[in-house]
Amino acid sequence: MSGLVFDAVEKQFGAFTAISETTLTIPQGKFVCLLGPSGCGKTTLLRMIAGLESPTRGRILLDGRDITRLPVHKRDFGMVFQSLALFPHLSVGENVAYPLRIRGTGKADCFKAVQRLLDLVQLPDMANRPVSKLSGGQRQRVAIARALALSPQLFLLDEPLSALDAKLRESMQIELKQLQRKLGITTIVVTHDQREAMTMADLVVVMSEGKVHQVAPPVEIYRRPRDAFVAGFIGMTNLLKGRVAAPGRLAVAGGILAVPGLPATGEASISVRPENVQVGKMTQANGDGDLEGRVSYIRDLGASIEIYLEVAGEQIVAVCSPYNRPDITDGDSVRVHFPPDDCVVVGA
């Protein structure tokens, strides 16, 4: 089987279960983000891939080969730690060359490899510069070049951009994604930043409390979350609870909504993204999926408008652009429309 496979893997530290029984496949050549809040188990999962931790139960396979107990130095993986772990007393070139030299690579070959790698990470002519004289983004690039020096089969990064300022972080996200596409190497990144995962990943693995909730491309994670945790953790959403009143009809506080994919009976929860909520002035005849609300606050962010609404005691958020802002103001009674195709069932 091609790719990295977790076969019923579990990890315990004493009585604490860091990773519940997990079965997961990461296809070869993909950029994958392990995403979740602090303490959810994503770094533990990465450390098991790297061989820095061993599963309590289960197996880890790479292209059909069992690597569960394979020593770290035999795994042929590159890893960038959150701290970067560069050698401050060495130059840029010496840092990049370090893994090559401990493998016995000759001086001439080391020199060629260092030049190639520094060109790859856009740091040409900096081999002799002290690491201590570099900016945060430059140090990040050196750590990436060093991890790629041995042409690893897997490239692992643990919160690699967390120490960078917001603007540099966003530019590095794009650079890292472009680099991965250029090399075609399977890359697995740990992050708690939803925007970072949505920007870089081919696949997002959403985790909480040691469990994998959903594995899917970023757009699917956002538009079709599997459960309420995923819906609430990825971006902003409106979660509404209700009871099935009829086939395809959900009774919520304030009225009845048309929702496809409901169970036959019982309670259900739905997620509706703010940009899909439509707000307008009250009319005598409201349509299917309309509730009555009151505007409690309008927040103008320049590129977008956030409209906070009170609907039957619940807060609902709608988002629109300045070009289609409705003619409403604080305190107005409004019609709040939830398009049926944008109502996603996340719990029953």
C-alpha atoms as a PDB file:
ATOM      1  CA  MET A   1       0.000   0.000   0.000  1.00  0.00           C
ATOM      2  CA  SER A   2       1.431   3.383  -1.038  1.00  0.00           C
ATOM      3  CA  GLY A   3       1.679   6.171   1.510  1.00  0.00           C
ATOM      4  CA  LEU A   4       1.797   6.381   5.287  1.00  0.00           C
ATOM      5  CA  VAL A   5      -0.733   4.255   7.168  1.00  0.00           C
ATOM      6  CA  PHE A   6      -1.741   4.272  10.831  1.00  0.00           C
ATOM      7  CA  ASP A   7      -3.260   0.879  11.598  1.00  0.00           C
ATOM      8  CA  ALA A   8      -5.284   1.047  14.851  1.00  0.00           C
ATOM      9  CA  VAL A   9      -2.553   3.127  16.533  1.00  0.00           C
ATOM     10  CA  GLU A  10      -2.925   4.116  20.167  1.00  0.00           C
ATOM     11  CA  LYS A  11      -0.541   5.987  22.449  1.00  0.00           C
ATOM     12  CA  GLN A  12      -0.732   6.125  26.228  1.00  0.00           C
ATOM     13  CA  PHE A  13       1.430   7.917  28.769  1.00  0.00           C
ATOM     14  CA  GLY A  14       0.641   6.030  31.963  1.00  0.00           C
ATOM     15  CA  ALA A  15      -3.106   6.291  32.513  1.00  0.00           C
ATOM     16  CA  PHE A  16      -3.427   9.158  30.003  1.00  0.00           C
ATOM     17  CA  THR A  17      -4.481   8.311  26.454  1.00  0.00           C
ATOM     18  CA  ALA A  18      -2.801  10.835  24.126  1.00  0.00           C
ATOM     19  CA  ILE A  19      -3.970   9.118  20.930  1.00  0.00           C
ATOM     20  CA  SER A  20      -7.100   6.997  20.882  1.00  0.00           C
ATOM     21  CA  GLU A  21      -7.261   4.075  18.450  1.00  0.00           C
ATOM     22  CA  THR A  22      -6.588   5.742  15.093  1.00  0.00           C
ATOM     23  CA  THR A  23      -6.689   4.355  11.570  1.00  0.00           C
ATOM     24  CA  LEU A  24      -5.502   6.875   8.997  1.00  0.00           C
ATOM     25  CA  THR A  25      -3.941   6.909   5.518  1.00  0.00           C
ATOM     26  CA  ILE A  26      -1.768   9.763   4.226  1.00  0.00           C
ATOM     27  CA  PRO A  27      -1.251   9.435   0.449  1.00  0.00           C
ATOM     28  CA  GLN A  28       2.212   9.782  -1.021  1.00  0.00           C
ATOM     29  CA  GLY A  29       3.241  13.216  -2.268  1.00  0.00           C
ATOM     30  CA  LYS A  30       0.543  15.167  -0.399  1.00  0.00           C
ATOM     31  CA  PHE A  31       0.846  18.189   1.861  1.00  0.00           C
ATOM     32  CA  VAL A  32      -0.999  17.258   5.048  1.00  0.00           C
ATOM     33  CA  CYS A  33      -1.777  19.458   8.068  1.00  0.00           C
ATOM     34  CA  LEU A  34      -2.519  17.938  11.475  1.00  0.00           C
ATOM     35  CA  LEU A  35      -4.861  20.559  12.899  1.00  0.00           C
ATOM     36  CA  GLY A  36      -6.375  20.943  16.334  1.00  0.00           C
ATOM     37  CA  PRO A  37      -6.259  22.818  19.640  1.00  0.00           C
ATOM     38  CA  SER A  38      -3.336  22.540  22.049  1.00  0.00           C
ATOM     39  CA  GLY A  39      -3.154  19.127  23.700  1.00  0.00           C
ATOM     40  CA  CYS A  40      -5.232  17.334  21.062  1.00  0.00           C
ATOM     41  CA  GLY A  41      -2.458  14.836  20.218  1.00  0.00           C
ATOM     42  CA  LYS A  42      -1.194  16.186  16.884  1.00  0.00           C
ATOM     43  CA  THR A  43       2.441  16.560  18.010  1.00  0.00           C
ATOM     44  CA  THR A  44       2.350  13.078  19.562  1.00  0.00           C
ATOM     45  CA  LEU A  45       1.124  11.716  16.223  1.00  0.00           C
ATOM     46  CA  LEU A  46       3.996  13.488  14.422  1.00  0.00           C
ATOM     47  CA  ARG A  47       6.563  12.215  16.930  1.00  0.00           C
ATOM     48  CA  MET A  48       5.359   8.647  16.362  1.00  0.00           C
ATOM     49  CA  ILE A  49       5.854   9.128  12.622  1.00  0.00           C
ATOM     50  CA  ALA A  50       9.378  10.422  13.275  1.00  0.00           C
ATOM     51  CA  GLY A  51      10.163   7.527  15.646  1.00  0.00           C
ATOM     52  CA  LEU A  52      10.622   9.798  18.657  1.00  0.00           C
ATOM     53  CA  GLU A  53       7.681   8.031  20.349  1.00  0.00           C
ATOM     54  CA  SER A  54       6.500   4.443  19.974  1.00  0.00           C
ATOM     55  CA  PRO A  55       2.815   3.472  19.783  1.00  0.00           C
ATOM     56  CA  THR A  56       1.379   1.607  22.751  1.00  0.00           C
ATOM     57  CA  ARG A  57      -0.675  -0.437  20.292  1.00  0.00           C
ATOM     58  CA  GLY A  58      -1.066  -0.683  16.536  1.00  0.00           C
ATOM     59  CA  ARG A  59       1.279  -0.345  13.567  1.00  0.00           C
ATOM     60  CA  ILE A  60       2.681   2.413  11.362  1.00  0.00           C
ATOM     61  CA  LEU A  61       3.344   1.423   7.754  1.00  0.00           C
ATOM     62  CA  LEU A  62       5.166   3.317   5.015  1.00  0.00           C
ATOM     63  CA  ASP A  63       4.567   2.021   1.491  1.00  0.00           C
ATOM     64  CA  GLY A  64       3.559  -1.333   3.007  1.00  0.00           C
ATOM     65  CA  ARG A  65       6.683  -1.597   5.208  1.00  0.00           C
ATOM     66  CA  ASP A  66       6.224  -1.759   8.981  1.00  0.00           C
ATOM     67  CA  ILE A  67       8.241   1.106  10.530  1.00  0.00           C
ATOM     68  CA  THR A  68       6.602   1.013  13.974  1.00  0.00           C
ATOM     69  CA  ARG A  69       9.825   0.106  15.824  1.00  0.00           C
ATOM     70  CA  LEU A  70      12.329   1.343  13.234  1.00  0.00           C
ATOM     71  CA  PRO A  71      15.007   3.562  14.861  1.00  0.00           C
ATOM     72  CA  VAL A  72      14.899   7.284  14.071  1.00  0.00           C
ATOM     73  CA  HIS A  73      18.208   7.311  12.144  1.00  0.00           C
ATOM     74  CA  LYS A  74      16.980   4.585   9.787  1.00  0.00           C
ATOM     75  CA  ARG A  75      13.705   6.263   8.830  1.00  0.00           C
ATOM     76  CA  ASP A  76      15.152   8.699   6.282  1.00  0.00           C
ATOM     77  CA  PHE A  77      12.818  11.510   7.364  1.00  0.00           C
ATOM     78  CA  GLY A  78      13.544  15.230   7.563  1.00  0.00           C
ATOM     79  CA  MET A  79      12.152  17.186  10.505  1.00  0.00           C
ATOM     80  CA  VAL A  80      11.904  20.872  11.421  1.00  0.00           C
ATOM     81  CA  PHE A  81      11.222  21.479  15.112  1.00  0.00           C
ATOM     82  CA  GLN A  82       9.272  24.414  16.535  1.00  0.00           C
ATOM     83  CA  SER A  83      12.506  25.768  18.042  1.00  0.00           C
ATOM     84  CA  LEU A  84      14.318  25.165  14.687  1.00  0.00           C
ATOM     85  CA  ALA A  85      17.286  23.720  16.679  1.00  0.00           C
ATOM     86  CA  LEU A  86      19.967  25.404  14.564  1.00  0.00           C
ATOM     87  CA  PHE A  87      23.580  25.438  15.786  1.00  0.00           C
ATOM     88  CA  PRO A  88      24.269  29.094  16.722  1.00  0.00           C
ATOM     89  CA  HIS A  89      28.070  28.681  16.584  1.00  0.00           C
ATOM     90  CA  LEU A  90      27.997  27.430  12.974  1.00  0.00           C
ATOM     91  CA  SER A  91      27.486  29.361   9.764  1.00  0.00           C
ATOM     92  CA  VAL A  92      24.461  28.939   7.498  1.00  0.00           C
ATOM     93  CA  GLY A  93      26.372  26.594   5.196  1.00  0.00           C
ATOM     94  CA  GLU A  94      27.757  24.530   8.080  1.00  0.00           C
ATOM     95  CA  ASN A  95      24.260  24.101   9.529  1.00  0.00           C
ATOM     96  CA  VAL A  96      22.894  22.879   6.200  1.00  0.00           C
ATOM     97  CA  ALA A  97      25.901  20.607   5.616  1.00  0.00           C
ATOM     98  CA  TYR A  98      25.805  19.045   9.091  1.00  0.00           C
ATOM     99  CA  PRO A  99      23.582  16.015   8.295  1.00  0.00           C
ATOM    100  CA  LEU A 100      25.587  15.356   5.127  1.00  0.00           C
ATOM    101  CA  ARG A 101      28.900  15.384   6.969  1.00  0.00           C
ATOM    102  CA  ILE A 102      27.756  12.994   9.701  1.00  0.00           C
ATOM    103  CA  ARG A 103      26.763  10.620   6.874  1.00  0.00           C
ATOM    104  CA  GLY A 104      30.301  10.819   5.484  1.00  0.00           C
ATOM    105  CA  THR A 105      29.624  12.983   2.417  1.00  0.00           C
ATOM    106  CA  GLY A 106      32.809  14.436   0.907  1.00  0.00           C
ATOM    107  CA  LYS A 107      33.646  18.145   1.159  1.00  0.00           C
ATOM    108  CA  ALA A 108      33.143  18.867  -2.556  1.00  0.00           C
ATOM    109  CA  ASP A 109      29.745  17.126  -2.623  1.00  0.00           C
ATOM    110  CA  CYS A 110      28.734  18.931   0.573  1.00  0.00           C
ATOM    111  CA  PHE A 111      29.597  22.272  -1.001  1.00  0.00           C
ATOM    112  CA  LYS A 112      27.498  21.536  -4.108  1.00  0.00           C
ATOM    113  CA  ALA A 113      24.554  20.303  -2.025  1.00  0.00           C
ATOM    114  CA  VAL A 114      24.634  23.368   0.246  1.00  0.00           C
ATOM    115  CA  GLN A 115      24.622  25.734  -2.735  1.00  0.00           C
ATOM    116  CA  ARG A 116      21.720  23.854  -4.323  1.00  0.00           C
ATOM    117  CA  LEU A 117      19.685  23.829  -1.106  1.00  0.00           C
ATOM    118  CA  LEU A 118      20.297  27.509  -0.338  1.00  0.00           C
ATOM    119  CA  ASP A 119      19.201  28.387  -3.871  1.00  0.00           C
ATOM    120  CA  LEU A 120      16.100  26.241  -3.308  1.00  0.00           C
ATOM    121  CA  VAL A 121      15.110  28.167  -0.168  1.00  0.00           C
ATOM    122  CA  GLN A 122      16.041  31.535  -1.725  1.00  0.00           C
ATOM    123  CA  LEU A 123      19.154  32.176   0.374  1.00  0.00           C
ATOM    124  CA  PRO A 124      21.916  32.249  -2.281  1.00  0.00           C
ATOM    125  CA  ASP A 125      25.351  33.590  -1.320  1.00  0.00           C
ATOM    126  CA  MET A 126      24.603  33.300   2.416  1.00  0.00           C
ATOM    127  CA  ALA A 127      26.541  30.134   3.217  1.00  0.00           C
ATOM    128  CA  ASN A 128      29.189  32.003   5.226  1.00  0.00           C
ATOM    129  CA  ARG A 129      26.823  34.191   7.222  1.00  0.00           C
ATOM    130  CA  PRO A 130      26.515  33.437  10.982  1.00  0.00           C
ATOM    131  CA  VAL A 131      23.110  32.044  11.960  1.00  0.00           C
ATOM    132  CA  SER A 132      22.931  34.626  14.745  1.00  0.00           C
ATOM    133  CA  LYS A 133      22.834  37.407  12.117  1.00  0.00           C
ATOM    134  CA  LEU A 134      19.744  36.058  10.360  1.00  0.00           C
ATOM    135  CA  SER A 135      16.133  37.210  10.601  1.00  0.00           C
ATOM    136  CA  GLY A 136      13.390  34.860  11.788  1.00  0.00           C
ATOM    137  CA  GLY A 137      12.307  34.035   8.253  1.00  0.00           C
ATOM    138  CA  GLN A 138      15.896  33.372   7.149  1.00  0.00           C
ATOM    139  CA  ARG A 139      16.499  31.018  10.076  1.00  0.00           C
ATOM    140  CA  GLN A 140      13.302  29.226   9.126  1.00  0.00           C
ATOM    141  CA  ARG A 141      14.629  28.705   5.590  1.00  0.00           C
ATOM    142  CA  VAL A 142      17.961  27.390   6.893  1.00  0.00           C
ATOM    143  CA  ALA A 143      16.146  24.830   9.077  1.00  0.00           C
ATOM    144  CA  ILE A 144      14.106  23.711   6.047  1.00  0.00           C
ATOM    145  CA  ALA A 145      17.240  23.414   3.882  1.00  0.00           C
ATOM    146  CA  ARG A 146      19.001  21.328   6.557  1.00  0.00           C
ATOM    147  CA  ALA A 147      15.993  19.004   6.875  1.00  0.00           C
ATOM    148  CA  LEU A 148      15.949  18.499   3.093  1.00  0.00           C
ATOM    149  CA  ALA A 149      19.696  17.873   2.817  1.00  0.00           C
ATOM    150  CA  LEU A 150      19.388  14.079   2.768  1.00  0.00           C
ATOM    151  CA  SER A 151      16.446  14.006   0.288  1.00  0.00           C
ATOM    152  CA  PRO A 152      14.089  12.537   2.913  1.00  0.00           C
ATOM    153  CA  GLN A 153      11.158  10.304   2.081  1.00  0.00           C
ATOM    154  CA  LEU A 154       8.928  12.278   4.468  1.00  0.00           C
ATOM    155  CA  PHE A 155       9.217  15.919   5.550  1.00  0.00           C
ATOM    156  CA  LEU A 156       7.847  16.603   9.048  1.00  0.00           C
ATOM    157  CA  LEU A 157       7.329  20.064  10.568  1.00  0.00           C
ATOM    158  CA  ASP A 158       6.116  20.807  14.111  1.00  0.00           C
ATOM    159  CA  GLU A 159       4.502  24.296  14.291  1.00  0.00           C
ATOM    160  CA  PRO A 160       7.347  25.632  12.125  1.00  0.00           C
ATOM    161  CA  LEU A 161       5.968  29.144  11.609  1.00  0.00           C
ATOM    162  CA  SER A 162       4.550  29.895  15.055  1.00  0.00           C
ATOM    163  CA  ALA A 163       7.370  32.264  16.087  1.00  0.00           C
ATOM    164  CA  LEU A 164       7.084  34.483  12.997  1.00  0.00           C
ATOM    165  CA  ASP A 165       5.131  37.729  12.775  1.00  0.00           C
ATOM    166  CA  ALA A 166       1.805  37.628  10.914  1.00  0.00           C
ATOM    167  CA  LYS A 167       2.976  39.058   7.573  1.00  0.00           C
ATOM    168  CA  LEU A 168       6.121  36.901   7.367  1.00  0.00           C
ATOM    169  CA  ARG A 169       4.132  33.870   8.470  1.00  0.00           C
ATOM    170  CA  GLU A 170       1.714  34.241   5.567  1.00  0.00           C
ATOM    171  CA  SER A 171       4.506  34.638   2.998  1.00  0.00           C
ATOM    172  CA  MET A 172       6.315  31.573   4.415  1.00  0.00           C
ATOM    173  CA  GLN A 173       3.119  29.532   4.173  1.00  0.00           C
ATOM    174  CA  ILE A 174       2.986  30.204   0.447  1.00  0.00           C
ATOM    175  CA  GLU A 175       6.720  29.570  -0.002  1.00  0.00           C
ATOM    176  CA  LEU A 176       6.534  26.278   1.898  1.00  0.00           C
ATOM    177  CA  LYS A 177       3.599  25.094  -0.213  1.00  0.00           C
ATOM    178  CA  GLN A 178       5.362  26.047  -3.454  1.00  0.00           C
ATOM    179  CA  LEU A 179       8.524  24.269  -2.297  1.00  0.00           C
ATOM    180  CA  GLN A 180       6.562  21.104  -1.508  1.00  0.00           C
ATOM    181  CA  ARG A 181       4.941  21.149  -4.948  1.00  0.00           C
ATOM    182  CA  LYS A 182       8.337  21.597  -6.586  1.00  0.00           C
ATOM    183  CA  LEU A 183       9.886  18.658  -4.708  1.00  0.00           C
ATOM    184  CA  GLY A 184       6.796  16.403  -4.638  1.00  0.00           C
ATOM    185  CA  ILE A 185       7.747  15.160  -1.155  1.00  0.00           C
ATOM    186  CA  THR A 186       5.132  13.957   1.334  1.00  0.00           C
ATOM    187  CA  THR A 187       4.956  16.762   3.899  1.00  0.00           C
ATOM    188  CA  ILE A 188       3.190  16.648   7.267  1.00  0.00           C
ATOM    189  CA  VAL A 189       2.820  19.839   9.293  1.00  0.00           C
ATOM    190  CA  VAL A 190       1.467  20.252  12.827  1.00  0.00           C
ATOM    191  CA  THR A 191      -0.472  23.487  13.352  1.00  0.00           C
ATOM    192  CA  HIS A 192      -3.256  24.936  15.484  1.00  0.00           C
ATOM    193  CA  ASP A 193      -3.822  27.756  12.972  1.00  0.00           C
ATOM    194  CA  GLN A 194      -6.888  27.109  10.791  1.00  0.00           C
ATOM    195  CA  ARG A 195      -5.862  29.724   8.227  1.00  0.00           C
ATOM    196  CA  GLU A 196      -2.439  28.124   7.902  1.00  0.00           C
ATOM    197  CA  ALA A 197      -3.962  24.698   7.273  1.00  0.00           C
ATOM    198  CA  MET A 198      -6.468  26.072   4.758  1.00  0.00           C
ATOM    199  CA  THR A 199      -3.655  27.897   2.908  1.00  0.00           C
ATOM    200  CA  MET A 200      -1.149  25.054   2.617  1.00  0.00           C
ATOM    201  CA  ALA A 201      -2.792  21.654   2.865  1.00  0.00           C
ATOM    202  CA  ASP A 202      -3.968  19.173   0.270  1.00  0.00           C
ATOM    203  CA  LEU A 203      -5.500  17.244   3.170  1.00  0.00           C
ATOM    204  CA  VAL A 204      -6.427  18.438   6.662  1.00  0.00           C
ATOM    205  CA  VAL A 205      -6.580  16.026   9.606  1.00  0.00           C
ATOM    206  CA  VAL A 206      -8.756  17.659  12.275  1.00  0.00           C
ATOM    207  CA  MET A 207      -8.056  16.338  15.786  1.00  0.00           C
ATOM    208  CA  SER A 208      -9.437  16.817  19.287  1.00  0.00           C
ATOM    209  CA  GLU A 209      -8.712  14.986  22.551  1.00  0.00           C
ATOM    210  CA  GLY A 210      -6.592  12.345  20.846  1.00  0.00           C
ATOM    211  CA  LYS A 211      -9.160  11.522  18.177  1.00  0.00           C
ATOM    212  CA  VAL A 212      -9.322  12.212  14.443  1.00  0.00           C
ATOM    213  CA  HIS A 213     -12.653  13.890  13.622  1.00  0.00           C
ATOM    214  CA  GLN A 214     -12.326  14.369   9.866  1.00  0.00           C
ATOM    215  CA  VAL A 215      -9.785  13.920   7.062  1.00  0.00           C
ATOM    216  CA  ALA A 216     -10.552  15.847   3.875  1.00  0.00           C
ATOM    217  CA  PRO A 217      -9.384  18.650   1.567  1.00  0.00           C
ATOM    218  CA  PRO A 218      -9.633  22.122   3.161  1.00  0.00           C
ATOM    219  CA  VAL A 219     -12.693  23.233   1.165  1.00  0.00           C
ATOM    220  CA  GLU A 220     -14.623  20.105   2.131  1.00  0.00           C
ATOM    221  CA  ILE A 221     -13.634  20.519   5.779  1.00  0.00           C
ATOM    222  CA  TYR A 222     -14.997  24.064   5.682  1.00  0.00           C
ATOM    223  CA  ARG A 223     -18.144  23.517   3.633  1.00  0.00           C
ATOM    224  CA  ARG A 224     -19.103  20.025   4.792  1.00  0.00           C
ATOM    225  CA  PRO A 225     -17.857  19.549   8.369  1.00  0.00           C
ATOM    226  CA  ARG A 226     -18.547  16.090   9.717  1.00  0.00           C
ATOM    227  CA  ASP A 227     -19.513  17.163  13.244  1.00  0.00           C
ATOM    228  CA  ALA A 228     -20.081  20.174  15.466  1.00  0.00           C
ATOM    229  CA  PHE A 229     -16.458  20.281  16.675  1.00  0.00           C
ATOM    230  CA  VAL A 230     -15.074  20.554  13.136  1.00  0.00           C
ATOM    231  CA  ALA A 231     -17.698  23.150  12.194  1.00  0.00           C
ATOM    232  CA  GLY A 232     -16.894  25.286  15.245  1.00  0.00           C
ATOM    233  CA  PHE A 233     -13.109  24.923  15.092  1.00  0.00           C
ATOM    234  CA  ILE A 234     -12.674  25.694  11.386  1.00  0.00           C
ATOM    235  CA  GLY A 235     -13.601  29.320  10.852  1.00  0.00           C
ATOM    236  CA  MET A 236     -16.763  30.981  12.145  1.00  0.00           C
ATOM    237  CA  THR A 237     -20.127  29.228  12.021  1.00  0.00           C
ATOM    238  CA  ASN A 238     -23.679  29.310  13.351  1.00  0.00           C
ATOM    239  CA  LEU A 239     -24.732  26.144  15.181  1.00  0.00           C
ATOM    240  CA  LEU A 240     -28.473  25.634  15.566  1.00  0.00           C
ATOM    241  CA  LYS A 241     -30.149  22.796  17.444  1.00  0.00           C
ATOM    242  CA  GLY A 242     -33.664  21.593  16.814  1.00  0.00           C
ATOM    243  CA  ARG A 243     -36.054  18.680  16.441  1.00  0.00           C
ATOM    244  CA  VAL A 244     -37.173  17.008  13.231  1.00  0.00           C
ATOM    245  CA  ALA A 245     -40.759  18.173  12.610  1.00  0.00           C
ATOM    246  CA  ALA A 246     -41.278  16.460   9.232  1.00  0.00           C
ATOM    247  CA  PRO A 247     -39.088  14.998   6.466  1.00  0.00           C
ATOM    248  CA  GLY A 248     -36.520  17.675   5.616  1.00  0.00           C
ATOM    249  CA  ARG A 249     -37.938  20.108   8.202  1.00  0.00           C
ATOM    250  CA  LEU A 250     -36.161  21.123  11.404  1.00  0.00           C
ATOM    251  CA  ALA A 251     -37.992  22.977  14.169  1.00  0.00           C
ATOM    252  CA  VAL A 252     -35.567  25.446  15.764  1.00  0.00           C
ATOM    253  CA  ALA A 253     -36.088  28.339  18.164  1.00  0.00           C
ATOM    254  CA  GLY A 254     -38.041  30.874  16.141  1.00  0.00           C
ATOM    255  CA  GLY A 255     -39.491  28.700  13.375  1.00  0.00           C
ATOM    256  CA  ILE A 256     -39.040  25.884  10.869  1.00  0.00           C
ATOM    257  CA  LEU A 257     -36.021  25.475   8.553  1.00  0.00           C
ATOM    258  CA  ALA A 258     -35.748  23.375   5.398  1.00  0.00           C
ATOM    259  CA  VAL A 259     -32.688  21.144   5.841  1.00  0.00           C
ATOM    260  CA  PRO A 260     -31.674  18.295   3.513  1.00  0.00           C
ATOM    261  CA  GLY A 261     -30.111  15.158   5.006  1.00  0.00           C
ATOM    262  CA  LEU A 262     -31.957  15.189   8.325  1.00  0.00           C
ATOM    263  CA  PRO A 263     -32.589  11.961  10.226  1.00  0.00           C
ATOM    264  CA  ALA A 264     -36.139  10.615  10.161  1.00  0.00           C
ATOM    265  CA  THR A 265     -36.889  11.623  13.755  1.00  0.00           C
ATOM    266  CA  GLY A 266     -35.309  13.050  16.883  1.00  0.00           C
ATOM    267  CA  GLU A 267     -33.008  15.975  17.523  1.00  0.00           C
ATOM    268  CA  ALA A 268     -30.402  17.366  15.130  1.00  0.00           C
ATOM    269  CA  SER A 269     -27.802  20.126  14.930  1.00  0.00           C
ATOM    270  CA  ILE A 270     -26.902  22.099  11.833  1.00  0.00           C
ATOM    271  CA  SER A 271     -24.042  24.396  10.855  1.00  0.00           C
ATOM    272  CA  VAL A 272     -24.532  27.456   8.642  1.00  0.00           C
ATOM    273  CA  ARG A 273     -21.538  29.597   7.707  1.00  0.00           C
ATOM    274  CA  PRO A 274     -22.014  33.369   8.252  1.00  0.00           C
ATOM    275  CA  GLU A 275     -21.419  34.215   4.593  1.00  0.00           C
ATOM    276  CA  ASN A 276     -24.387  32.005   3.676  1.00  0.00           C
ATOM    277  CA  VAL A 277     -26.835  33.687   6.062  1.00  0.00           C
ATOM    278  CA  GLN A 278     -28.942  36.253   4.192  1.00  0.00           C
ATOM    279  CA  VAL A 279     -30.404  39.291   5.972  1.00  0.00           C
ATOM    280  CA  GLY A 280     -33.121  41.602   4.640  1.00  0.00           C
ATOM    281  CA  LYS A 281     -35.982  43.793   5.713  1.00  0.00           C
ATOM    282  CA  MET A 282     -39.121  42.174   7.045  1.00  0.00           C
ATOM    283  CA  THR A 283     -41.810  41.257   4.517  1.00  0.00           C
ATOM    284  CA  GLN A 284     -45.367  40.116   5.081  1.00  0.00           C
ATOM    285  CA  ALA A 285     -44.700  36.720   3.516  1.00  0.00           C
ATOM    286  CA  ASN A 286     -41.429  35.147   4.571  1.00  0.00           C
ATOM    287  CA  GLY A 287     -40.060  32.296   2.494  1.00  0.00           C
ATOM    288  CA  ASP A 288     -38.931  28.757   3.299  1.00  0.00           C
ATOM    289  CA  GLY A 289     -36.007  28.877   5.720  1.00  0.00           C
ATOM    290  CA  ASP A 290     -36.765  32.372   7.049  1.00  0.00           C
ATOM    291  CA  LEU A 291     -36.720  33.408  10.709  1.00  0.00           C
ATOM    292  CA  GLU A 292     -37.394  36.768  12.320  1.00  0.00           C
ATOM    293  CA  GLY A 293     -34.474  38.477  14.037  1.00  0.00           C
ATOM    294  CA  ARG A 294     -33.237  41.783  15.383  1.00  0.00           C
ATOM    295  CA  VAL A 295     -29.959  43.508  14.543  1.00  0.00           C
ATOM    296  CA  SER A 296     -27.876  43.815  17.707  1.00  0.00           C
ATOM    297  CA  TYR A 297     -24.590  45.051  16.239  1.00  0.00           C
ATOM    298  CA  ILE A 298     -22.981  45.768  12.857  1.00  0.00           C
ATOM    299  CA  ARG A 299     -19.204  45.518  12.589  1.00  0.00           C
ATOM    300  CA  ASP A 300     -17.600  47.110   9.521  1.00  0.00           C
ATOM    301  CA  LEU A 301     -14.188  45.542   8.835  1.00  0.00           C
ATOM    302  CA  GLY A 302     -13.648  47.319   5.535  1.00  0.00           C
ATOM    303  CA  ALA A 303     -13.380  44.261   3.277  1.00  0.00           C
ATOM    304  CA  SER A 304     -16.387  42.621   4.941  1.00  0.00           C
ATOM    305  CA  ILE A 305     -19.372  43.471   7.149  1.00  0.00           C
ATOM    306  CA  GLU A 306     -20.324  41.330  10.155  1.00  0.00           C
ATOM    307  CA  ILE A 307     -23.977  41.567  11.218  1.00  0.00           C
ATOM    308  CA  TYR A 308     -24.794  40.216  14.675  1.00  0.00           C
ATOM    309  CA  LEU A 309     -28.421  39.178  15.078  1.00  0.00           C
ATOM    310  CA  GLU A 310     -30.641  38.007  17.880  1.00  0.00           C
ATOM    311  CA  VAL A 311     -32.969  35.246  16.694  1.00  0.00           C
ATOM    312  CA  ALA A 312     -35.300  33.773  19.326  1.00  0.00           C
ATOM    313  CA  GLY A 313     -32.713  34.356  22.044  1.00  0.00           C
ATOM    314  CA  GLU A 314     -29.816  32.928  20.005  1.00  0.00           C
ATOM    315  CA  GLN A 315     -26.961  34.948  18.478  1.00  0.00           C
ATOM    316  CA  ILE A 316     -26.550  34.519  14.730  1.00  0.00           C
ATOM    317  CA  VAL A 317     -23.746  36.080  12.677  1.00  0.00           C
ATOM    318  CA  ALA A 318     -24.061  37.007   9.014  1.00  0.00           C
ATOM    319  CA  VAL A 319     -21.205  38.244   6.826  1.00  0.00           C
ATOM    320  CA  CYS A 320     -21.494  40.197   3.586  1.00  0.00           C
ATOM    321  CA  SER A 321     -19.324  42.424   1.415  1.00  0.00           C
ATOM    322  CA  PRO A 322     -19.639  46.244   1.435  1.00  0.00           C
ATOM    323  CA  TYR A 323     -21.201  45.992  -2.042  1.00  0.00           C
ATOM    324  CA  ASN A 324     -24.228  43.941  -0.964  1.00  0.00           C
ATOM    325  CA  ARG A 325     -24.712  45.351   2.542  1.00  0.00           C
ATOM    326  CA  PRO A 326     -28.439  45.414   3.368  1.00  0.00           C
ATOM    327  CA  ASP A 327     -30.060  48.735   4.251  1.00  0.00           C
ATOM    328  CA  ILE A 328     -30.426  48.011   7.958  1.00  0.00           C
ATOM    329  CA  THR A 329     -29.161  49.443  11.219  1.00  0.00           C
ATOM    330  CA  ASP A 330     -28.870  48.479  14.906  1.00  0.00           C
ATOM    331  CA  GLY A 331     -32.230  47.572  16.452  1.00  0.00           C
ATOM    332  CA  ASP A 332     -34.015  46.826  13.159  1.00  0.00           C
ATOM    333  CA  SER A 333     -36.302  43.814  12.879  1.00  0.00           C
ATOM    334  CA  VAL A 334     -35.105  41.733   9.927  1.00  0.00           C
ATOM    335  CA  ARG A 335     -35.775  38.591   7.956  1.00  0.00           C
ATOM    336  CA  VAL A 336     -32.974  36.033   8.401  1.00  0.00           C
ATOM    337  CA  HIS A 337     -32.759  33.442   5.639  1.00  0.00           C
ATOM    338  CA  PHE A 338     -30.909  30.121   5.911  1.00  0.00           C
ATOM    339  CA  PRO A 339     -30.567  28.613   2.385  1.00  0.00           C
ATOM    340  CA  PRO A 340     -31.378  24.865   2.637  1.00  0.00           C
ATOM    341  CA  ASP A 341     -28.333  23.777   0.580  1.00  0.00           C
ATOM    342  CA  ASP A 342     -26.046  25.631   2.985  1.00  0.00           C
ATOM    343  CA  CYS A 343     -27.486  23.997   6.126  1.00  0.00           C
ATOM    344  CA  VAL A 344     -25.135  21.132   7.016  1.00  0.00           C
ATOM    345  CA  VAL A 345     -26.237  18.479   9.516  1.00  0.00           C
ATOM    346  CA  VAL A 346     -23.413  18.061  12.064  1.00  0.00           C
ATOM    347  CA  GLY A 347     -25.126  16.037  14.782  1.00  0.00           C
ATOM    348  CA  ALA A 348     -28.196  13.934  15.360  1.00  0.00           C
END
